[in-house]
Amino acid sequence: MKLPGSLLARTFFLIAALVLLTTASWLVLFERAEAEPRARETAQLASSTVNLIRAALLASAPERRPDLFVELMTREGIRLLPAEPGDQLEPLPNDRFIALVRERIEALLGSHTRLSLAVNEVPGFWVSFRLEDEDEDEYWLILPQERALRTFGWHWLAWGLVALALALGVAWYMASRITKPLKALGTAASAVGRGLTPEVLPESGADELRHLAAAFNRMAADLARHDRDRAEVLAGISHDLRTPLTRLRLEAELSIASETARDAVSADIDQMEAVIAQFMDYARGDGGEVPIPLHLDALLADVIGRQRALGRELGGKIENLPPCVGRPRALSRAVTNLIDNAYKYGAAPVDVYARREGRRLVVEVADRGEGIPPDEAEGLKRPFARRDSARSNATGTGLGLAIVERTVRLHGGSLELLPREGGGLLARISLDLAEASGQ
């Protein structure tokens, strides 16, 4: 049997199974422990009644015995009947309690004693006896049938069900108390994995859970502080570098007579500024951008429009997509980086596709370059990673795919670098509609 998937359901299932098995075990033990004393009591009652009747009948004259039968029936409520050869006996059920009663009665009254729950279709607890062991005549003592049958107490079942419901309720409460902090921890860890700073976890509950929550809070605070420090350092470096770069650009315009040399210096300065901008994009992450409702198809149309304004021809197809929640600037930057990579490292034509697949929004940027071997795809998502063939003829920093990977992960999605059918590279972004909010 397969256990449920969640820890709460598994813990509750195991505790509930333990409660049910323990209750069932106690019921079986109680039934077996209670059967023997009750069987002994029933057998003792029947044998004592038989012995008293036998003594009374033996002490009376034979001609007075019929009157004594009537007297016992009317005044004491004891039913006595003479046994007939043609009496039809209902067999006793194959039950441990009945077997114990039979064994005890035969031990007290003799092995010739017969028992039945109905004789000639008349219900009751029928016990045969003889006045003397050597007598051929037999008599029936008829006791209430309830003496030989174990009736089920339905009121006890109701109380048992109430107790079981309370036990299962306590089990659910215990399981939820254990799993609720772990679920909150899992949600917070997922947020950290997407580059977010989660809310502080409550440090309550059992000692182990409190220590775990405290350790996670310290880790999250340290990571947030490191991110802030890194952003501040890079922002300071960017500011300090842009000032001399601006002076260099001005000096080049004023001091270099050759237009070719001046354009070359200006291009180098532009490249340095682009490198600084990519460093800042990577360091910024989401830049504190708050997720908002957006239409991804409209956002992609805007990105494609800006790319075409730069003279880039883009094909493909953008389908109508349902609204989602995300960070528009970060998503625009991610798609723009993929298009830039397609032109830098791939070859035209470059196509952009967008569609919905179930609960996911899929955006693809495809080119007709030489593509990427599958074993190198994951490594190129790391910061500053570039293929050897791209190092000599491209002017990037190796942060473009890292920025895309971080942005997609921030939105609960994934980035795949796949071979394109017919040659080239297919960069696929998949965003989960349920996770796109980045919460």
Protein backbone atom coordinates (compact mmCIF):
# COMPACT_ATOMS: atom_id res chain seq x y z
CA MET A 1 0.00 0.00 0.00
CA LYS A 2 1.35 3.39 -1.03
CA LEU A 3 1.48 6.04 1.68
CA PRO A 4 0.12 9.57 1.03
CA GLY A 5 2.55 12.10 -0.36
CA SER A 6 2.49 14.90 2.23
CA LEU A 7 4.21 14.58 5.60
CA LEU A 8 1.01 15.69 7.39
CA ALA A 9 -1.05 12.95 5.72
CA ARG A 10 1.65 10.33 6.30
CA THR A 11 2.07 11.23 9.97
CA PHE A 12 -1.68 11.26 10.55
CA PHE A 13 -2.10 7.98 8.66
CA LEU A 14 0.59 6.25 10.74
CA ILE A 15 -0.75 7.60 14.06
CA ALA A 16 -4.32 6.70 13.07
CA ALA A 17 -3.19 3.20 12.06
CA LEU A 18 -1.46 2.83 15.42
CA VAL A 19 -4.61 3.98 17.27
CA LEU A 20 -6.84 1.61 15.29
CA LEU A 21 -4.51 -1.37 15.70
CA THR A 22 -4.11 -0.69 19.41
CA THR A 23 -7.90 -0.36 19.86
CA ALA A 24 -8.53 -3.54 17.88
CA SER A 25 -5.90 -5.41 19.92
CA TRP A 26 -7.45 -4.29 23.20
CA LEU A 27 -10.92 -5.29 21.99
CA VAL A 28 -9.68 -8.76 21.06
CA LEU A 29 -7.88 -9.13 24.39
CA PHE A 30 -10.97 -7.92 26.26
CA GLU A 31 -13.22 -10.31 24.35
CA ARG A 32 -10.99 -13.27 25.11
CA ALA A 33 -10.48 -12.28 28.73
CA GLU A 34 -14.21 -11.65 29.30
CA ALA A 35 -15.50 -14.80 27.56
CA GLU A 36 -14.21 -17.35 30.10
CA PRO A 37 -15.61 -15.74 33.30
CA ARG A 38 -18.99 -15.18 31.64
CA ALA A 39 -19.08 -18.74 30.33
CA ARG A 40 -18.22 -20.01 33.80
CA GLU A 41 -21.01 -17.87 35.30
CA THR A 42 -23.57 -19.10 32.75
CA ALA A 43 -22.58 -22.74 33.28
CA GLN A 44 -22.66 -22.33 37.05
CA LEU A 45 -26.15 -20.80 36.91
CA ALA A 46 -27.49 -23.61 34.74
CA SER A 47 -25.89 -26.39 36.80
CA SER A 48 -27.00 -24.83 40.12
CA THR A 49 -30.57 -24.51 38.86
CA VAL A 50 -30.52 -28.12 37.63
CA ASN A 51 -29.14 -29.34 40.95
CA LEU A 52 -31.78 -27.42 42.94
CA ILE A 53 -34.60 -28.73 40.74
CA ARG A 54 -33.19 -32.23 40.89
CA ALA A 55 -33.00 -32.08 44.69
CA ALA A 56 -36.56 -30.75 44.93
CA LEU A 57 -37.90 -33.42 42.61
CA LEU A 58 -36.06 -36.23 44.41
CA ALA A 59 -37.34 -35.00 47.78
CA SER A 60 -40.96 -35.05 46.61
CA ALA A 61 -43.15 -38.07 46.08
CA PRO A 62 -43.47 -39.20 42.45
CA GLU A 63 -47.20 -38.40 42.37
CA ARG A 64 -46.40 -34.84 43.56
CA ARG A 65 -43.82 -34.09 40.86
CA PRO A 66 -46.31 -32.78 38.26
CA ASP A 67 -47.63 -30.35 40.84
CA LEU A 68 -44.05 -29.36 41.65
CA PHE A 69 -43.42 -28.67 37.96
CA VAL A 70 -46.42 -26.36 37.91
CA GLU A 71 -45.31 -24.71 41.15
CA LEU A 72 -41.80 -24.01 39.83
CA MET A 73 -43.15 -22.60 36.58
CA THR A 74 -45.79 -20.36 38.13
CA ARG A 75 -44.01 -19.11 41.24
CA GLU A 76 -40.32 -19.21 40.26
CA GLY A 77 -40.58 -18.74 36.51
CA ILE A 78 -38.57 -21.91 35.84
CA ARG A 79 -39.69 -23.76 32.74
CA LEU A 80 -39.41 -27.56 32.86
CA LEU A 81 -40.48 -30.02 30.19
CA PRO A 82 -40.03 -33.76 29.87
CA ALA A 83 -37.71 -34.78 27.05
CA GLU A 84 -39.28 -36.75 24.20
CA PRO A 85 -37.41 -39.11 21.86
CA GLY A 86 -38.54 -37.15 18.81
CA ASP A 87 -37.35 -33.73 20.03
CA GLN A 88 -35.62 -31.75 17.27
CA LEU A 89 -32.57 -29.88 18.59
CA GLU A 90 -31.01 -26.86 16.94
CA PRO A 91 -27.22 -27.33 16.77
CA LEU A 92 -25.12 -24.96 18.86
CA PRO A 93 -23.08 -22.39 16.95
CA ASN A 94 -19.36 -22.93 16.53
CA ASP A 95 -18.37 -20.25 19.00
CA ARG A 96 -15.62 -20.11 21.62
CA PHE A 97 -18.01 -18.82 24.27
CA ILE A 98 -20.53 -21.62 23.62
CA ALA A 99 -17.71 -24.17 23.65
CA LEU A 100 -16.58 -22.91 27.06
CA VAL A 101 -20.16 -23.08 28.41
CA ARG A 102 -20.62 -26.63 27.09
CA GLU A 103 -17.30 -27.76 28.53
CA ARG A 104 -18.08 -26.31 31.96
CA ILE A 105 -21.67 -27.66 32.11
CA GLU A 106 -20.57 -31.16 31.09
CA ALA A 107 -17.92 -31.02 33.80
CA LEU A 108 -20.57 -30.09 36.40
CA LEU A 109 -23.57 -32.17 35.24
CA GLY A 110 -21.99 -35.02 33.32
CA SER A 111 -21.12 -35.82 29.73
CA HIS A 112 -24.69 -37.00 28.96
CA THR A 113 -25.98 -33.40 29.31
CA ARG A 114 -27.38 -32.00 26.07
CA LEU A 115 -27.53 -28.30 25.19
CA SER A 116 -29.52 -26.49 22.52
CA LEU A 117 -30.71 -23.00 21.63
CA ALA A 118 -34.06 -24.30 20.34
CA VAL A 119 -35.98 -27.54 20.72
CA ASN A 120 -38.87 -28.19 18.37
CA GLU A 121 -38.34 -24.61 17.10
CA VAL A 122 -39.00 -23.18 20.57
CA PRO A 123 -36.16 -20.75 21.36
CA GLY A 124 -34.34 -20.74 24.69
CA PHE A 125 -31.29 -22.10 26.40
CA TRP A 126 -32.24 -25.76 26.79
CA VAL A 127 -30.28 -27.92 29.27
CA SER A 128 -31.13 -31.60 29.71
CA PHE A 129 -30.75 -33.44 33.01
CA ARG A 130 -31.71 -36.68 34.69
CA LEU A 131 -32.83 -37.21 38.27
CA GLU A 132 -30.43 -40.12 38.58
CA ASP A 133 -27.54 -40.94 36.36
CA GLU A 134 -28.98 -44.37 35.62
CA ASP A 135 -32.43 -42.99 34.76
CA GLU A 136 -33.62 -43.14 31.18
CA ASP A 137 -36.05 -40.26 31.57
CA GLU A 138 -34.73 -36.81 30.80
CA TYR A 139 -36.07 -33.36 31.48
CA TRP A 140 -35.42 -30.01 29.86
CA LEU A 141 -34.55 -26.92 31.85
CA ILE A 142 -35.36 -23.89 29.69
CA LEU A 143 -33.47 -20.71 30.56
CA PRO A 144 -33.65 -17.38 28.71
CA GLN A 145 -31.68 -17.59 25.47
CA GLU A 146 -29.74 -14.44 26.39
CA ARG A 147 -27.86 -16.54 28.96
CA ALA A 148 -26.14 -18.45 26.18
CA LEU A 149 -25.78 -15.66 23.63
CA ARG A 150 -23.45 -12.72 23.84
CA THR A 151 -25.45 -9.67 22.86
CA PHE A 152 -23.63 -6.74 21.29
CA GLY A 153 -23.85 -3.50 23.25
CA TRP A 154 -24.59 -0.89 20.61
CA HIS A 155 -24.37 1.91 23.14
CA TRP A 156 -20.79 0.84 23.82
CA LEU A 157 -20.14 1.01 20.07
CA ALA A 158 -21.36 4.62 20.05
CA TRP A 159 -19.07 5.51 22.94
CA GLY A 160 -16.23 3.67 21.22
CA LEU A 161 -16.76 5.61 18.00
CA VAL A 162 -16.76 8.88 19.96
CA ALA A 163 -13.52 7.89 21.68
CA LEU A 164 -12.01 6.86 18.33
CA ALA A 165 -13.04 10.17 16.76
CA LEU A 166 -11.43 12.05 19.65
CA ALA A 167 -8.26 9.97 19.30
CA LEU A 168 -8.09 10.66 15.55
CA GLY A 169 -8.72 14.36 16.18
CA VAL A 170 -5.84 14.45 18.65
CA ALA A 171 -3.71 12.54 16.12
CA TRP A 172 -4.50 15.13 13.44
CA TYR A 173 -3.69 17.95 15.85
CA MET A 174 -0.36 16.33 16.77
CA ALA A 175 0.54 15.70 13.13
CA SER A 176 -0.36 19.26 12.12
CA ARG A 177 1.67 20.69 15.01
CA ILE A 178 4.67 18.77 13.74
CA THR A 179 4.25 19.41 10.02
CA LYS A 180 3.04 23.03 10.02
CA PRO A 181 6.48 24.49 10.94
CA LEU A 182 8.12 22.15 8.42
CA LYS A 183 5.72 23.29 5.70
CA ALA A 184 6.48 26.93 6.52
CA LEU A 185 10.19 26.09 6.44
CA GLY A 186 9.80 24.42 3.03
CA THR A 187 7.98 27.49 1.66
CA ALA A 188 10.67 29.79 3.02
CA ALA A 189 13.45 27.58 1.62
CA SER A 190 11.75 27.66 -1.79
CA ALA A 191 11.69 31.46 -1.61
CA VAL A 192 15.40 31.53 -0.75
CA GLY A 193 16.07 29.21 -3.69
CA ARG A 194 14.37 31.76 -5.99
CA GLY A 195 16.52 34.57 -4.61
CA LEU A 196 13.85 36.09 -2.36
CA THR A 197 14.11 37.06 1.28
CA PRO A 198 11.42 35.10 3.15
CA GLU A 199 9.47 36.29 6.15
CA VAL A 200 10.96 35.46 9.55
CA LEU A 201 9.79 32.03 10.71
CA PRO A 202 8.17 31.84 14.17
CA GLU A 203 10.58 30.20 16.59
CA SER A 204 8.05 28.18 18.57
CA GLY A 205 7.10 24.58 19.21
CA ALA A 206 9.39 21.71 20.16
CA ASP A 207 13.05 22.41 20.89
CA GLU A 208 14.23 20.80 17.66
CA LEU A 209 11.78 22.83 15.56
CA ARG A 210 12.66 26.05 17.39
CA HIS A 211 16.37 25.47 16.82
CA LEU A 212 15.73 24.66 13.15
CA ALA A 213 13.64 27.81 12.64
CA ALA A 214 16.24 29.95 14.43
CA ALA A 215 19.07 28.51 12.32
CA PHE A 216 17.10 29.10 9.12
CA ASN A 217 16.27 32.68 10.13
CA ARG A 218 19.96 33.37 10.78
CA MET A 219 20.89 31.83 7.42
CA ALA A 220 18.26 33.85 5.54
CA ALA A 221 19.34 37.06 7.29
CA ASP A 222 23.01 36.36 6.46
CA LEU A 223 22.16 35.70 2.80
CA ALA A 224 20.11 38.89 2.59
CA ARG A 225 22.93 40.88 4.18
CA HIS A 226 25.48 39.36 1.77
CA ASP A 227 23.24 40.26 -1.19
CA ARG A 228 22.90 43.83 0.05
CA ASP A 229 26.65 44.12 0.62
CA ARG A 230 27.38 42.75 -2.86
CA ALA A 231 24.91 45.12 -4.49
CA GLU A 232 26.36 48.07 -2.60
CA VAL A 233 29.93 47.11 -3.56
CA LEU A 234 29.03 46.68 -7.22
CA ALA A 235 27.01 49.90 -7.20
CA GLY A 236 30.01 51.73 -5.77
CA ILE A 237 32.33 50.19 -8.35
CA SER A 238 29.90 51.08 -11.13
CA HIS A 239 29.70 54.67 -9.95
CA ASP A 240 33.47 54.98 -9.58
CA LEU A 241 34.09 53.50 -13.05
CA ARG A 242 31.51 55.53 -14.91
CA THR A 243 33.09 58.83 -13.90
CA PRO A 244 36.53 58.12 -15.49
CA LEU A 245 34.80 56.48 -18.46
CA THR A 246 32.86 59.67 -19.06
CA ARG A 247 36.11 61.67 -18.89
CA LEU A 248 37.77 59.24 -21.33
CA ARG A 249 34.88 59.60 -23.75
CA LEU A 250 35.14 63.40 -23.53
CA GLU A 251 38.93 63.37 -23.95
CA ALA A 252 38.63 61.03 -26.92
CA GLU A 253 36.17 63.35 -28.59
CA LEU A 254 38.40 66.38 -28.01
CA SER A 255 41.93 64.98 -28.28
CA ILE A 256 41.93 62.19 -30.88
CA ALA A 257 42.03 63.62 -34.37
CA SER A 258 41.58 60.36 -36.24
CA GLU A 259 37.90 59.56 -36.62
CA THR A 260 38.65 55.85 -36.87
CA ALA A 261 40.67 55.83 -33.65
CA ARG A 262 38.06 57.98 -31.93
CA ASP A 263 35.29 55.56 -32.94
CA ALA A 264 37.36 52.62 -31.73
CA VAL A 265 37.95 54.22 -28.33
CA SER A 266 34.28 55.14 -28.09
CA ALA A 267 33.29 51.53 -28.92
CA ASP A 268 35.61 50.23 -26.20
CA ILE A 269 34.06 52.61 -23.71
CA ASP A 270 30.55 51.49 -24.78
CA GLN A 271 31.60 47.89 -24.28
CA MET A 272 32.95 48.64 -20.80
CA GLU A 273 29.71 50.40 -19.88
CA ALA A 274 27.72 47.42 -21.19
CA VAL A 275 29.83 45.11 -19.05
CA ILE A 276 29.20 47.27 -15.99
CA ALA A 277 25.47 47.30 -16.78
CA GLN A 278 25.39 43.48 -16.95
CA PHE A 279 27.25 43.23 -13.65
CA MET A 280 24.67 45.52 -12.11
CA ASP A 281 21.78 43.54 -13.63
CA TYR A 282 23.14 40.33 -12.14
CA ALA A 283 23.85 41.90 -8.76
CA ARG A 284 20.43 43.53 -8.62
CA GLY A 285 18.48 40.32 -9.11
CA ASP A 286 14.87 41.48 -9.04
CA GLY A 287 15.97 44.99 -8.13
CA GLY A 288 13.28 45.12 -5.47
CA GLU A 289 10.64 44.88 -8.20
CA VAL A 290 7.22 43.88 -6.84
CA PRO A 291 5.26 41.20 -8.72
CA ILE A 292 2.21 42.65 -10.46
CA PRO A 293 -0.52 41.27 -12.76
CA LEU A 294 0.66 41.34 -16.36
CA HIS A 295 -0.03 39.98 -19.84
CA LEU A 296 3.05 38.12 -20.98
CA ASP A 297 2.03 38.25 -24.66
CA ALA A 298 1.87 42.06 -24.54
CA LEU A 299 5.23 42.20 -22.74
CA LEU A 300 6.83 40.00 -25.43
CA ALA A 301 5.31 42.12 -28.19
CA ASP A 302 6.90 45.20 -26.61
CA VAL A 303 10.31 43.48 -26.40
CA ILE A 304 10.09 42.36 -30.03
CA GLY A 305 9.08 45.87 -31.10
CA ARG A 306 12.15 47.38 -29.42
CA GLN A 307 14.40 44.75 -31.02
CA ARG A 308 12.99 45.48 -34.47
CA ALA A 309 13.61 49.18 -33.87
CA LEU A 310 17.29 48.24 -33.54
CA GLY A 311 17.16 46.62 -36.97
CA ARG A 312 16.79 43.01 -35.87
CA GLU A 313 14.33 40.84 -37.77
CA LEU A 314 12.45 38.47 -35.48
CA GLY A 315 10.02 35.77 -36.59
CA GLY A 316 7.93 33.28 -34.65
CA LYS A 317 4.45 33.38 -33.17
CA ILE A 318 3.07 34.86 -29.94
CA GLU A 319 -0.23 33.26 -28.91
CA ASN A 320 -2.81 34.88 -26.66
CA LEU A 321 -1.77 34.03 -23.11
CA PRO A 322 -3.77 34.19 -19.87
CA PRO A 323 -2.87 36.90 -17.35
CA CYS A 324 -0.21 36.01 -14.80
CA VAL A 325 1.70 37.71 -12.00
CA GLY A 326 5.36 38.58 -12.40
CA ARG A 327 8.08 41.20 -12.54
CA PRO A 328 7.82 42.88 -15.97
CA ARG A 329 11.26 44.55 -16.02
CA ALA A 330 13.03 41.35 -14.97
CA LEU A 331 11.14 39.24 -17.53
CA SER A 332 11.79 41.78 -20.30
CA ARG A 333 15.50 41.78 -19.43
CA ALA A 334 15.58 37.96 -19.48
CA VAL A 335 13.96 37.66 -22.94
CA THR A 336 16.15 40.48 -24.27
CA ASN A 337 19.27 38.65 -23.05
CA LEU A 338 18.18 35.49 -24.88
CA ILE A 339 17.63 37.46 -28.09
CA ASP A 340 21.05 39.17 -27.67
CA ASN A 341 22.71 35.76 -27.17
CA ALA A 342 20.96 34.41 -30.27
CA TYR A 343 22.47 37.21 -32.37
CA LYS A 344 25.89 37.15 -30.67
CA TYR A 345 26.54 33.43 -30.57
CA GLY A 346 23.94 32.04 -33.00
CA ALA A 347 22.79 32.98 -36.46
CA ALA A 348 19.70 34.41 -38.12
CA PRO A 349 16.86 33.83 -38.51
CA VAL A 350 15.92 34.29 -34.86
CA ASP A 351 12.36 33.38 -33.86
CA VAL A 352 10.36 34.01 -30.69
CA TYR A 353 7.45 31.72 -29.72
CA ALA A 354 5.04 31.89 -26.78
CA ARG A 355 2.19 29.53 -25.89
CA ARG A 356 0.38 27.91 -23.01
CA GLU A 357 0.93 24.26 -22.13
CA GLY A 358 -1.47 23.18 -19.40
CA ARG A 359 -0.51 25.04 -16.24
CA ARG A 360 2.66 26.49 -17.76
CA LEU A 361 3.51 29.46 -19.97
CA VAL A 362 6.28 28.64 -22.43
CA VAL A 363 8.52 31.24 -24.14
CA GLU A 364 11.10 30.07 -26.71
CA VAL A 365 13.89 31.97 -28.46
CA ALA A 366 15.37 29.97 -31.36
CA ASP A 367 18.27 30.62 -33.72
CA ARG A 368 20.05 28.77 -36.52
CA GLY A 369 23.59 28.83 -35.13
CA GLU A 370 25.76 25.83 -34.35
CA GLY A 371 23.87 25.12 -31.13
CA ILE A 372 25.19 23.84 -27.81
CA PRO A 373 26.15 20.24 -26.96
CA PRO A 374 23.70 18.84 -24.39
CA ASP A 375 26.49 18.14 -21.88
CA GLU A 376 27.48 21.85 -21.84
CA ALA A 377 23.99 23.31 -21.47
CA GLU A 378 23.80 23.34 -17.66
CA GLY A 379 27.33 24.71 -17.24
CA LEU A 380 26.57 27.72 -19.45
CA LYS A 381 23.90 28.88 -17.02
CA ARG A 382 26.54 29.60 -14.39
CA PRO A 383 27.90 33.15 -14.01
CA PHE A 384 30.85 34.06 -16.28
CA ALA A 385 30.57 30.77 -18.19
CA ARG A 386 31.17 30.92 -21.97
CA ARG A 387 32.04 28.34 -24.58
CA ASP A 388 35.59 28.42 -25.89
CA SER A 389 34.32 29.28 -29.37
CA ALA A 390 32.57 32.36 -27.95
CA ARG A 391 35.54 33.78 -26.06
CA SER A 392 37.43 35.08 -29.08
CA ASN A 393 34.62 36.63 -31.10
CA ALA A 394 32.09 37.94 -28.58
CA THR A 395 32.16 40.81 -26.18
CA GLY A 396 29.90 39.57 -23.36
CA THR A 397 30.63 38.92 -19.72
CA GLY A 398 29.13 35.45 -19.46
CA LEU A 399 26.32 36.78 -17.27
CA GLY A 400 23.46 36.82 -19.80
CA LEU A 401 22.22 33.25 -19.24
CA ALA A 402 22.93 33.50 -15.50
CA ILE A 403 20.63 36.55 -15.33
CA VAL A 404 17.94 34.67 -17.28
CA GLU A 405 18.29 31.60 -15.04
CA ARG A 406 17.99 33.69 -11.88
CA THR A 407 14.95 35.59 -13.21
CA VAL A 408 13.16 32.43 -14.31
CA ARG A 409 13.88 30.69 -11.00
CA LEU A 410 12.58 33.78 -9.20
CA HIS A 411 9.25 33.21 -10.99
CA GLY A 412 9.14 29.51 -10.10
CA GLY A 413 10.10 28.42 -13.63
CA SER A 414 12.93 26.73 -15.49
CA LEU A 415 15.34 27.50 -18.33
CA GLU A 416 16.29 24.82 -20.85
CA LEU A 417 18.89 25.02 -23.63
CA LEU A 418 17.83 22.47 -26.25
CA PRO A 419 18.93 21.58 -29.79
CA ARG A 420 16.58 23.08 -32.36
CA GLU A 421 15.07 20.80 -34.96
CA GLY A 422 16.89 21.45 -38.22
CA GLY A 423 19.93 22.93 -36.46
CA GLY A 424 20.52 25.71 -33.99
CA LEU A 425 19.66 26.42 -30.36
CA LEU A 426 16.25 26.57 -28.66
CA ALA A 427 16.22 28.49 -25.35
CA ARG A 428 12.97 27.60 -23.56
CA ILE A 429 11.55 29.42 -20.54
CA SER A 430 8.74 27.62 -18.68
CA LEU A 431 6.76 29.53 -16.06
CA ASP A 432 4.27 27.80 -13.76
CA LEU A 433 1.04 29.77 -13.56
CA ALA A 434 0.59 28.71 -9.93
CA GLU A 435 4.12 29.87 -9.01
CA ALA A 436 4.54 32.86 -11.30
CA SER A 437 3.68 35.29 -8.52
CA GLY A 438 7.05 34.71 -6.92
CA GLN A 439 5.49 34.52 -3.46
